[in-house]
Amino acid sequence: MSTIVRPDIDTERLTMRCPRLDDFEEALSMWGDPNVTRYIGGKPSTREEMWARLLRYVGHWDLMGFGFWVVREKSTGRFVGEVGLADFRREIEPSLGGAKEAGWALSPWAHGKGFATEAVRAALGWAEGRFGPERVVCIIDPENAASLQVAHKCGFREFARGSYKGATTLMLERLPGAR
């Protein structure tokens, strides 16, 4: 049986660790906020949906060897949000081609502080160190200017416009060597 790696990451201002049961209420609060979900599915998450998300995050680490981290502010321990990589096997056109998908969601208080860029860069750096250079993708609502800015700062560039669950989405990729 292989050893499951669940790495912790420290950045200048953040700590990132794999999700735990005691993160549930803070994550539910974030995902229940319409300001967070406006561009991610369009509606706040229920307790049931958040529970499924938590299990999916933990399952990614166990089955895939990568996943999402819970991000906290280092100086206060305050819940910042969730950042990571996934294989959601989305039924999306055009296909994401089996690439790891980067994603991020931050609590409203943490918006505009550069935390998302810092955490996404850390996650991508960890993945490159663990798996080598490879293509990573993300999907973003075309109206989500803040996430598009984070994506561009992290080396993602649009490669297609697609449709996911009936909504138009921008499809971006970060190719090996991008910064």
N, C-alpha and C. Protein backbone atom coordinates (compact mmCIF):
# COMPACT_ATOMS: atom_id res chain seq x y z
N MET A 1 0.85 -1.18 0.00
CA MET A 1 0.00 0.00 0.00
C MET A 1 0.89 1.24 0.00
N SER A 2 0.57 2.21 -0.86
CA SER A 2 1.39 3.42 -0.94
C SER A 2 1.04 4.38 0.19
N THR A 3 2.01 5.19 0.54
CA THR A 3 1.81 6.20 1.56
C THR A 3 1.11 7.40 0.95
N ILE A 4 0.07 7.89 1.61
CA ILE A 4 -0.66 9.04 1.14
C ILE A 4 0.05 10.30 1.62
N VAL A 5 0.39 11.16 0.68
CA VAL A 5 1.06 12.41 1.00
C VAL A 5 0.00 13.49 1.17
N ARG A 6 -0.01 14.14 2.31
CA ARG A 6 -0.91 15.26 2.58
C ARG A 6 -0.04 16.42 3.07
N PRO A 7 0.54 17.15 2.14
CA PRO A 7 1.53 18.16 2.53
C PRO A 7 0.92 19.43 3.10
N ASP A 8 1.62 20.00 4.06
CA ASP A 8 1.32 21.34 4.53
C ASP A 8 2.25 22.28 3.79
N ILE A 9 1.78 23.47 3.50
CA ILE A 9 2.58 24.48 2.81
C ILE A 9 2.50 25.77 3.62
N ASP A 10 3.63 26.40 3.81
CA ASP A 10 3.68 27.73 4.41
C ASP A 10 4.18 28.72 3.37
N THR A 11 3.50 29.85 3.25
CA THR A 11 3.96 30.94 2.42
C THR A 11 4.30 32.10 3.35
N GLU A 12 4.59 33.24 2.79
CA GLU A 12 4.94 34.38 3.62
C GLU A 12 3.83 34.73 4.62
N ARG A 13 2.58 34.70 4.15
CA ARG A 13 1.46 35.13 5.01
C ARG A 13 0.43 34.05 5.30
N LEU A 14 0.59 32.88 4.69
CA LEU A 14 -0.45 31.86 4.76
C LEU A 14 0.08 30.50 5.19
N THR A 15 -0.82 29.72 5.78
CA THR A 15 -0.57 28.29 5.98
C THR A 15 -1.64 27.55 5.17
N MET A 16 -1.21 26.46 4.56
CA MET A 16 -2.11 25.64 3.76
C MET A 16 -1.98 24.20 4.24
N ARG A 17 -3.13 23.59 4.57
CA ARG A 17 -3.12 22.20 4.99
C ARG A 17 -4.35 21.50 4.46
N CYS A 18 -4.29 20.21 4.44
CA CYS A 18 -5.41 19.43 3.92
C CYS A 18 -6.64 19.62 4.82
N PRO A 19 -7.82 19.54 4.22
CA PRO A 19 -9.05 19.76 4.99
C PRO A 19 -9.25 18.73 6.09
N ARG A 20 -9.85 19.20 7.17
CA ARG A 20 -10.21 18.33 8.30
C ARG A 20 -11.67 18.58 8.67
N LEU A 21 -12.22 17.67 9.41
CA LEU A 21 -13.60 17.77 9.83
C LEU A 21 -13.87 19.09 10.55
N ASP A 22 -12.93 19.55 11.34
CA ASP A 22 -13.16 20.78 12.10
C ASP A 22 -13.11 22.05 11.24
N ASP A 23 -12.86 21.92 9.95
CA ASP A 23 -12.93 23.06 9.02
C ASP A 23 -14.35 23.25 8.47
N PHE A 24 -15.22 22.29 8.73
CA PHE A 24 -16.52 22.25 8.06
C PHE A 24 -17.33 23.53 8.23
N GLU A 25 -17.51 24.00 9.45
CA GLU A 25 -18.38 25.16 9.69
C GLU A 25 -17.85 26.42 9.02
N GLU A 26 -16.54 26.64 9.08
CA GLU A 26 -15.97 27.83 8.44
C GLU A 26 -16.08 27.74 6.92
N ALA A 27 -15.86 26.55 6.38
CA ALA A 27 -16.01 26.36 4.94
C ALA A 27 -17.47 26.54 4.53
N LEU A 28 -18.39 26.02 5.32
CA LEU A 28 -19.82 26.18 5.04
C LEU A 28 -20.20 27.66 5.04
N SER A 29 -19.66 28.40 5.98
CA SER A 29 -19.94 29.84 6.03
C SER A 29 -19.46 30.52 4.75
N MET A 30 -18.26 30.17 4.30
CA MET A 30 -17.74 30.76 3.07
C MET A 30 -18.61 30.36 1.87
N TRP A 31 -18.84 29.06 1.70
CA TRP A 31 -19.59 28.57 0.54
C TRP A 31 -21.07 28.93 0.62
N GLY A 32 -21.54 29.35 1.77
CA GLY A 32 -22.92 29.80 1.93
C GLY A 32 -23.10 31.27 1.64
N ASP A 33 -22.03 31.97 1.34
CA ASP A 33 -22.07 33.41 1.10
C ASP A 33 -22.31 33.68 -0.39
N PRO A 34 -23.38 34.40 -0.74
CA PRO A 34 -23.66 34.68 -2.16
C PRO A 34 -22.53 35.44 -2.87
N ASN A 35 -21.74 36.22 -2.13
CA ASN A 35 -20.61 36.92 -2.75
C ASN A 35 -19.53 35.95 -3.21
N VAL A 36 -19.41 34.81 -2.55
CA VAL A 36 -18.42 33.79 -2.93
C VAL A 36 -18.93 32.97 -4.11
N THR A 37 -20.19 32.61 -4.07
CA THR A 37 -20.73 31.67 -5.08
C THR A 37 -21.32 32.35 -6.31
N ARG A 38 -21.32 33.68 -6.33
CA ARG A 38 -21.91 34.41 -7.45
C ARG A 38 -21.39 33.91 -8.79
N TYR A 39 -20.08 33.64 -8.88
CA TYR A 39 -19.47 33.18 -10.13
C TYR A 39 -19.12 31.69 -10.10
N ILE A 40 -19.45 31.03 -9.01
CA ILE A 40 -19.14 29.60 -8.88
C ILE A 40 -20.46 28.86 -8.62
N GLY A 41 -21.16 28.58 -9.68
CA GLY A 41 -22.42 27.86 -9.56
C GLY A 41 -23.62 28.75 -9.35
N GLY A 42 -23.41 29.99 -8.88
CA GLY A 42 -24.48 30.96 -8.79
C GLY A 42 -25.37 30.91 -7.57
N LYS A 43 -25.19 29.90 -6.71
CA LYS A 43 -26.04 29.86 -5.51
C LYS A 43 -25.24 29.33 -4.33
N PRO A 44 -25.57 29.83 -3.13
CA PRO A 44 -24.87 29.37 -1.93
C PRO A 44 -25.05 27.86 -1.73
N SER A 45 -24.04 27.25 -1.13
CA SER A 45 -24.09 25.81 -0.86
C SER A 45 -24.89 25.51 0.40
N THR A 46 -25.58 24.39 0.36
CA THR A 46 -26.28 23.87 1.54
C THR A 46 -25.28 23.08 2.39
N ARG A 47 -25.70 22.70 3.59
CA ARG A 47 -24.86 21.84 4.44
C ARG A 47 -24.54 20.53 3.72
N GLU A 48 -25.54 19.96 3.05
CA GLU A 48 -25.34 18.70 2.34
C GLU A 48 -24.32 18.86 1.21
N GLU A 49 -24.42 19.93 0.45
CA GLU A 49 -23.48 20.17 -0.63
C GLU A 49 -22.07 20.41 -0.09
N MET A 50 -21.97 21.12 1.02
CA MET A 50 -20.65 21.36 1.62
C MET A 50 -20.06 20.06 2.15
N TRP A 51 -20.89 19.22 2.71
CA TRP A 51 -20.41 17.93 3.20
C TRP A 51 -19.84 17.11 2.03
N ALA A 52 -20.55 17.08 0.90
CA ALA A 52 -20.07 16.35 -0.29
C ALA A 52 -18.75 16.96 -0.78
N ARG A 53 -18.62 18.29 -0.73
CA ARG A 53 -17.38 18.95 -1.16
C ARG A 53 -16.22 18.53 -0.25
N LEU A 54 -16.45 18.54 1.06
CA LEU A 54 -15.39 18.14 2.00
C LEU A 54 -14.94 16.70 1.72
N LEU A 55 -15.89 15.80 1.53
CA LEU A 55 -15.54 14.41 1.24
C LEU A 55 -14.79 14.29 -0.08
N ARG A 56 -15.19 15.07 -1.08
CA ARG A 56 -14.52 15.06 -2.38
C ARG A 56 -13.07 15.56 -2.22
N TYR A 57 -12.88 16.60 -1.42
CA TYR A 57 -11.52 17.12 -1.20
C TYR A 57 -10.63 16.06 -0.55
N VAL A 58 -11.13 15.44 0.51
CA VAL A 58 -10.35 14.40 1.20
C VAL A 58 -10.11 13.22 0.27
N GLY A 59 -11.11 12.85 -0.50
CA GLY A 59 -10.97 11.74 -1.44
C GLY A 59 -9.93 12.00 -2.51
N HIS A 60 -9.80 13.23 -2.93
CA HIS A 60 -8.76 13.57 -3.91
C HIS A 60 -7.38 13.22 -3.36
N TRP A 61 -7.11 13.63 -2.13
CA TRP A 61 -5.80 13.33 -1.55
C TRP A 61 -5.59 11.82 -1.45
N ASP A 62 -6.61 11.10 -1.03
CA ASP A 62 -6.47 9.65 -0.85
C ASP A 62 -6.33 8.90 -2.18
N LEU A 63 -7.09 9.30 -3.19
CA LEU A 63 -7.10 8.56 -4.44
C LEU A 63 -6.15 9.11 -5.51
N MET A 64 -5.95 10.42 -5.51
CA MET A 64 -5.19 11.05 -6.60
C MET A 64 -3.80 11.54 -6.17
N GLY A 65 -3.59 11.71 -4.87
CA GLY A 65 -2.30 12.22 -4.40
C GLY A 65 -2.16 13.72 -4.50
N PHE A 66 -3.26 14.41 -4.77
CA PHE A 66 -3.31 15.87 -4.79
C PHE A 66 -4.73 16.28 -4.45
N GLY A 67 -4.92 17.57 -4.17
CA GLY A 67 -6.26 18.03 -3.82
C GLY A 67 -6.26 19.48 -3.42
N PHE A 68 -7.25 19.83 -2.60
CA PHE A 68 -7.41 21.19 -2.12
C PHE A 68 -6.86 21.32 -0.70
N TRP A 69 -6.36 22.51 -0.42
CA TRP A 69 -5.89 22.85 0.91
C TRP A 69 -6.87 23.85 1.54
N VAL A 70 -6.98 23.81 2.85
CA VAL A 70 -7.60 24.88 3.61
C VAL A 70 -6.51 25.91 3.84
N VAL A 71 -6.83 27.16 3.55
CA VAL A 71 -5.86 28.25 3.66
C VAL A 71 -6.23 29.12 4.86
N ARG A 72 -5.24 29.39 5.68
CA ARG A 72 -5.44 30.25 6.85
C ARG A 72 -4.37 31.34 6.87
N GLU A 73 -4.75 32.46 7.44
CA GLU A 73 -3.80 33.55 7.61
C GLU A 73 -2.83 33.14 8.72
N LYS A 74 -1.56 33.21 8.42
CA LYS A 74 -0.54 32.74 9.35
C LYS A 74 -0.56 33.52 10.67
N SER A 75 -0.69 34.83 10.60
CA SER A 75 -0.58 35.66 11.80
C SER A 75 -1.77 35.52 12.74
N THR A 76 -2.96 35.15 12.22
CA THR A 76 -4.15 35.10 13.06
C THR A 76 -4.80 33.72 13.14
N GLY A 77 -4.49 32.84 12.17
CA GLY A 77 -5.16 31.54 12.09
C GLY A 77 -6.53 31.63 11.45
N ARG A 78 -6.93 32.81 11.01
CA ARG A 78 -8.25 33.02 10.44
C ARG A 78 -8.41 32.27 9.12
N PHE A 79 -9.59 31.68 8.92
CA PHE A 79 -9.92 30.93 7.70
C PHE A 79 -9.95 31.89 6.52
N VAL A 80 -9.08 31.65 5.55
CA VAL A 80 -9.00 32.48 4.34
C VAL A 80 -9.86 31.87 3.24
N GLY A 81 -9.74 30.56 3.03
CA GLY A 81 -10.50 29.91 1.97
C GLY A 81 -9.91 28.57 1.62
N GLU A 82 -10.14 28.16 0.36
CA GLU A 82 -9.68 26.87 -0.14
C GLU A 82 -9.03 27.06 -1.50
N VAL A 83 -7.90 26.42 -1.67
CA VAL A 83 -7.15 26.51 -2.92
C VAL A 83 -6.58 25.13 -3.21
N GLY A 84 -6.55 24.74 -4.46
CA GLY A 84 -5.94 23.45 -4.76
C GLY A 84 -6.08 23.01 -6.19
N LEU A 85 -5.87 21.72 -6.35
CA LEU A 85 -5.90 21.05 -7.65
C LEU A 85 -6.84 19.86 -7.57
N ALA A 86 -7.52 19.60 -8.67
CA ALA A 86 -8.48 18.50 -8.65
C ALA A 86 -8.59 17.85 -10.02
N ASP A 87 -9.22 16.70 -10.01
CA ASP A 87 -9.65 16.02 -11.23
C ASP A 87 -11.14 15.77 -11.04
N PHE A 88 -11.96 16.75 -11.45
CA PHE A 88 -13.40 16.67 -11.25
C PHE A 88 -14.11 15.86 -12.34
N ARG A 89 -13.36 15.47 -13.37
CA ARG A 89 -13.95 14.71 -14.49
C ARG A 89 -15.19 15.42 -15.02
N ARG A 90 -15.04 16.71 -15.22
CA ARG A 90 -16.17 17.54 -15.66
C ARG A 90 -16.66 17.12 -17.05
N GLU A 91 -17.95 17.16 -17.20
CA GLU A 91 -18.57 16.97 -18.51
C GLU A 91 -18.68 18.36 -19.13
N ILE A 92 -17.57 18.78 -19.75
CA ILE A 92 -17.44 20.13 -20.27
C ILE A 92 -16.94 20.06 -21.70
N GLU A 93 -17.40 20.99 -22.51
CA GLU A 93 -16.93 21.08 -23.89
C GLU A 93 -16.29 22.42 -24.12
N PRO A 94 -15.09 22.46 -24.69
CA PRO A 94 -14.26 21.29 -25.01
C PRO A 94 -13.71 20.65 -23.74
N SER A 95 -13.24 19.44 -23.88
CA SER A 95 -12.72 18.67 -22.76
C SER A 95 -11.47 19.33 -22.17
N LEU A 96 -11.27 19.12 -20.89
CA LEU A 96 -10.05 19.61 -20.24
C LEU A 96 -8.88 18.65 -20.45
N GLY A 97 -9.13 17.53 -21.09
CA GLY A 97 -8.06 16.62 -21.50
C GLY A 97 -7.33 15.92 -20.37
N GLY A 98 -7.97 15.72 -19.24
CA GLY A 98 -7.33 15.00 -18.14
C GLY A 98 -6.31 15.81 -17.34
N ALA A 99 -6.18 17.10 -17.63
CA ALA A 99 -5.22 17.94 -16.90
C ALA A 99 -5.73 18.21 -15.48
N LYS A 100 -4.82 18.41 -14.56
CA LYS A 100 -5.20 18.85 -13.22
C LYS A 100 -5.86 20.22 -13.34
N GLU A 101 -6.91 20.42 -12.54
CA GLU A 101 -7.65 21.68 -12.58
C GLU A 101 -7.40 22.47 -11.31
N ALA A 102 -6.89 23.67 -11.46
CA ALA A 102 -6.68 24.56 -10.31
C ALA A 102 -7.99 25.25 -9.96
N GLY A 103 -8.18 25.48 -8.67
CA GLY A 103 -9.37 26.20 -8.22
C GLY A 103 -9.09 26.94 -6.94
N TRP A 104 -9.87 27.97 -6.70
CA TRP A 104 -9.71 28.76 -5.48
C TRP A 104 -11.02 29.47 -5.14
N ALA A 105 -11.27 29.58 -3.86
CA ALA A 105 -12.41 30.34 -3.34
C ALA A 105 -11.97 30.91 -2.00
N LEU A 106 -12.21 32.20 -1.81
CA LEU A 106 -11.78 32.87 -0.59
C LEU A 106 -12.97 33.53 0.11
N SER A 107 -12.89 33.59 1.42
CA SER A 107 -13.89 34.29 2.22
C SER A 107 -13.89 35.77 1.82
N PRO A 108 -15.05 36.40 1.85
CA PRO A 108 -15.12 37.80 1.42
C PRO A 108 -14.12 38.73 2.13
N TRP A 109 -13.86 38.51 3.41
CA TRP A 109 -12.94 39.39 4.12
C TRP A 109 -11.53 39.32 3.52
N ALA A 110 -11.20 38.21 2.84
CA ALA A 110 -9.84 37.98 2.32
C ALA A 110 -9.67 38.45 0.87
N HIS A 111 -10.74 38.91 0.24
CA HIS A 111 -10.66 39.36 -1.15
C HIS A 111 -9.80 40.61 -1.26
N GLY A 112 -9.05 40.70 -2.36
CA GLY A 112 -8.29 41.90 -2.65
C GLY A 112 -7.00 42.08 -1.87
N LYS A 113 -6.55 41.05 -1.17
CA LYS A 113 -5.33 41.14 -0.36
C LYS A 113 -4.14 40.39 -0.98
N GLY A 114 -4.35 39.78 -2.14
CA GLY A 114 -3.29 39.01 -2.77
C GLY A 114 -3.15 37.60 -2.24
N PHE A 115 -4.05 37.19 -1.35
CA PHE A 115 -3.98 35.85 -0.77
C PHE A 115 -4.19 34.76 -1.82
N ALA A 116 -5.14 34.96 -2.74
CA ALA A 116 -5.42 33.94 -3.75
C ALA A 116 -4.18 33.70 -4.62
N THR A 117 -3.57 34.77 -5.10
CA THR A 117 -2.37 34.62 -5.93
C THR A 117 -1.26 33.92 -5.17
N GLU A 118 -1.06 34.30 -3.93
CA GLU A 118 -0.01 33.68 -3.10
C GLU A 118 -0.26 32.19 -2.92
N ALA A 119 -1.51 31.83 -2.62
CA ALA A 119 -1.84 30.42 -2.38
C ALA A 119 -1.82 29.60 -3.67
N VAL A 120 -2.34 30.15 -4.76
CA VAL A 120 -2.34 29.42 -6.04
C VAL A 120 -0.91 29.17 -6.49
N ARG A 121 -0.06 30.17 -6.40
CA ARG A 121 1.34 29.98 -6.77
C ARG A 121 1.99 28.90 -5.92
N ALA A 122 1.68 28.87 -4.63
CA ALA A 122 2.24 27.84 -3.75
C ALA A 122 1.75 26.45 -4.15
N ALA A 123 0.46 26.33 -4.46
CA ALA A 123 -0.11 25.04 -4.86
C ALA A 123 0.52 24.56 -6.17
N LEU A 124 0.66 25.47 -7.13
CA LEU A 124 1.27 25.11 -8.41
C LEU A 124 2.74 24.73 -8.23
N GLY A 125 3.45 25.44 -7.37
CA GLY A 125 4.85 25.10 -7.09
C GLY A 125 4.98 23.73 -6.46
N TRP A 126 4.07 23.42 -5.52
CA TRP A 126 4.08 22.09 -4.90
C TRP A 126 3.82 21.02 -5.96
N ALA A 127 2.81 21.24 -6.81
CA ALA A 127 2.46 20.24 -7.83
C ALA A 127 3.62 20.02 -8.79
N GLU A 128 4.28 21.09 -9.19
CA GLU A 128 5.41 20.93 -10.11
C GLU A 128 6.54 20.14 -9.46
N GLY A 129 6.79 20.40 -8.18
CA GLY A 129 7.81 19.65 -7.46
C GLY A 129 7.45 18.18 -7.28
N ARG A 130 6.18 17.90 -7.13
CA ARG A 130 5.71 16.53 -6.89
C ARG A 130 5.53 15.73 -8.19
N PHE A 131 4.98 16.38 -9.23
CA PHE A 131 4.62 15.66 -10.45
C PHE A 131 5.45 16.06 -11.66
N GLY A 132 6.29 17.08 -11.52
CA GLY A 132 7.04 17.59 -12.66
C GLY A 132 6.23 18.62 -13.42
N PRO A 133 6.87 19.26 -14.40
CA PRO A 133 6.15 20.27 -15.18
C PRO A 133 5.03 19.63 -15.99
N GLU A 134 3.85 20.21 -15.92
CA GLU A 134 2.73 19.70 -16.70
C GLU A 134 1.69 20.80 -16.89
N ARG A 135 0.83 20.59 -17.85
CA ARG A 135 -0.27 21.51 -18.12
C ARG A 135 -1.27 21.45 -16.97
N VAL A 136 -1.71 22.63 -16.52
CA VAL A 136 -2.75 22.76 -15.50
C VAL A 136 -3.81 23.68 -16.08
N VAL A 137 -5.07 23.41 -15.82
CA VAL A 137 -6.16 24.20 -16.37
C VAL A 137 -7.01 24.81 -15.25
N CYS A 138 -7.84 25.77 -15.61
CA CYS A 138 -8.87 26.27 -14.71
C CYS A 138 -10.02 26.79 -15.56
N ILE A 139 -11.20 26.83 -14.98
CA ILE A 139 -12.35 27.41 -15.66
C ILE A 139 -12.86 28.56 -14.81
N ILE A 140 -13.23 29.66 -15.49
CA ILE A 140 -13.64 30.87 -14.78
C ILE A 140 -14.80 31.52 -15.52
N ASP A 141 -15.78 31.98 -14.77
CA ASP A 141 -16.88 32.75 -15.34
C ASP A 141 -16.30 33.99 -16.00
N PRO A 142 -16.70 34.30 -17.24
CA PRO A 142 -16.13 35.45 -17.95
C PRO A 142 -16.30 36.78 -17.21
N GLU A 143 -17.27 36.88 -16.30
CA GLU A 143 -17.50 38.13 -15.57
C GLU A 143 -16.71 38.21 -14.26
N ASN A 144 -15.99 37.15 -13.92
CA ASN A 144 -15.25 37.13 -12.65
C ASN A 144 -13.86 37.74 -12.84
N ALA A 145 -13.82 39.07 -12.87
CA ALA A 145 -12.58 39.80 -13.14
C ALA A 145 -11.49 39.49 -12.11
N ALA A 146 -11.87 39.35 -10.85
CA ALA A 146 -10.87 39.10 -9.80
C ALA A 146 -10.18 37.76 -10.01
N SER A 147 -10.94 36.70 -10.30
CA SER A 147 -10.32 35.39 -10.53
C SER A 147 -9.52 35.37 -11.82
N LEU A 148 -9.99 36.06 -12.82
CA LEU A 148 -9.21 36.15 -14.06
C LEU A 148 -7.86 36.83 -13.81
N GLN A 149 -7.85 37.84 -12.96
CA GLN A 149 -6.60 38.52 -12.62
C GLN A 149 -5.65 37.56 -11.90
N VAL A 150 -6.17 36.79 -10.94
CA VAL A 150 -5.36 35.80 -10.24
C VAL A 150 -4.78 34.80 -11.23
N ALA A 151 -5.63 34.29 -12.10
CA ALA A 151 -5.19 33.30 -13.09
C ALA A 151 -4.06 33.85 -13.96
N HIS A 152 -4.23 35.07 -14.44
CA HIS A 152 -3.19 35.66 -15.30
C HIS A 152 -1.89 35.87 -14.53
N LYS A 153 -1.98 36.32 -13.28
CA LYS A 153 -0.77 36.51 -12.47
C LYS A 153 -0.03 35.18 -12.24
N CYS A 154 -0.78 34.08 -12.28
CA CYS A 154 -0.20 32.76 -12.03
C CYS A 154 0.19 32.04 -13.32
N GLY A 155 0.11 32.72 -14.45
CA GLY A 155 0.59 32.15 -15.71
C GLY A 155 -0.45 31.46 -16.56
N PHE A 156 -1.73 31.55 -16.22
CA PHE A 156 -2.79 30.94 -17.02
C PHE A 156 -3.17 31.86 -18.17
N ARG A 157 -3.46 31.24 -19.34
CA ARG A 157 -3.90 31.97 -20.52
C ARG A 157 -5.10 31.25 -21.12
N GLU A 158 -6.03 32.01 -21.66
CA GLU A 158 -7.23 31.42 -22.25
C GLU A 158 -6.87 30.54 -23.43
N PHE A 159 -7.47 29.35 -23.48
CA PHE A 159 -7.30 28.48 -24.64
C PHE A 159 -8.62 28.17 -25.32
N ALA A 160 -9.73 28.43 -24.65
CA ALA A 160 -11.04 28.17 -25.26
C ALA A 160 -12.14 28.84 -24.44
N ARG A 161 -13.28 28.96 -25.07
CA ARG A 161 -14.51 29.32 -24.37
C ARG A 161 -15.41 28.11 -24.48
N GLY A 162 -15.98 27.74 -23.36
CA GLY A 162 -16.78 26.54 -23.36
C GLY A 162 -18.09 26.75 -22.65
N SER A 163 -18.76 25.65 -22.41
CA SER A 163 -20.03 25.66 -21.70
C SER A 163 -19.98 24.59 -20.63
N TYR A 164 -20.35 24.98 -19.42
CA TYR A 164 -20.40 24.02 -18.31
C TYR A 164 -21.71 24.22 -17.57
N LYS A 165 -22.51 23.17 -17.50
CA LYS A 165 -23.82 23.21 -16.86
C LYS A 165 -24.66 24.36 -17.39
N GLY A 166 -24.58 24.56 -18.71
CA GLY A 166 -25.40 25.56 -19.37
C GLY A 166 -24.88 26.98 -19.31
N ALA A 167 -23.75 27.20 -18.68
CA ALA A 167 -23.20 28.55 -18.56
C ALA A 167 -21.90 28.67 -19.37
N THR A 168 -21.72 29.81 -19.98
CA THR A 168 -20.48 30.07 -20.71
C THR A 168 -19.34 30.19 -19.71
N THR A 169 -18.21 29.60 -20.04
CA THR A 169 -17.05 29.66 -19.16
C THR A 169 -15.79 29.86 -19.98
N LEU A 170 -14.85 30.58 -19.40
CA LEU A 170 -13.53 30.70 -19.99
C LEU A 170 -12.69 29.53 -19.53
N MET A 171 -11.93 28.96 -20.45
CA MET A 171 -11.07 27.83 -20.13
C MET A 171 -9.64 28.31 -20.30
N LEU A 172 -8.87 28.20 -19.24
CA LEU A 172 -7.50 28.70 -19.24
C LEU A 172 -6.54 27.55 -18.96
N GLU A 173 -5.32 27.70 -19.44
CA GLU A 173 -4.29 26.69 -19.21
C GLU A 173 -3.00 27.38 -18.81
N ARG A 174 -2.24 26.66 -18.02
CA ARG A 174 -0.90 27.08 -17.63
C ARG A 174 0.04 25.99 -18.12
N LEU A 175 0.86 26.34 -19.08
CA LEU A 175 1.75 25.36 -19.67
C LEU A 175 3.06 25.27 -18.89
N PRO A 176 3.76 24.14 -18.98
CA PRO A 176 5.04 24.01 -18.27
C PRO A 176 5.95 25.19 -18.56
N GLY A 177 6.57 25.69 -17.51
CA GLY A 177 7.50 26.81 -17.65
C GLY A 177 6.84 28.16 -17.47
N ALA A 178 5.50 28.23 -17.39
CA ALA A 178 4.80 29.51 -17.19
C ALA A 178 5.00 29.99 -15.76
N ARG A 179 5.03 31.26 -15.58
CA ARG A 179 5.16 31.83 -14.23
C ARG A 179 4.13 32.88 -14.02
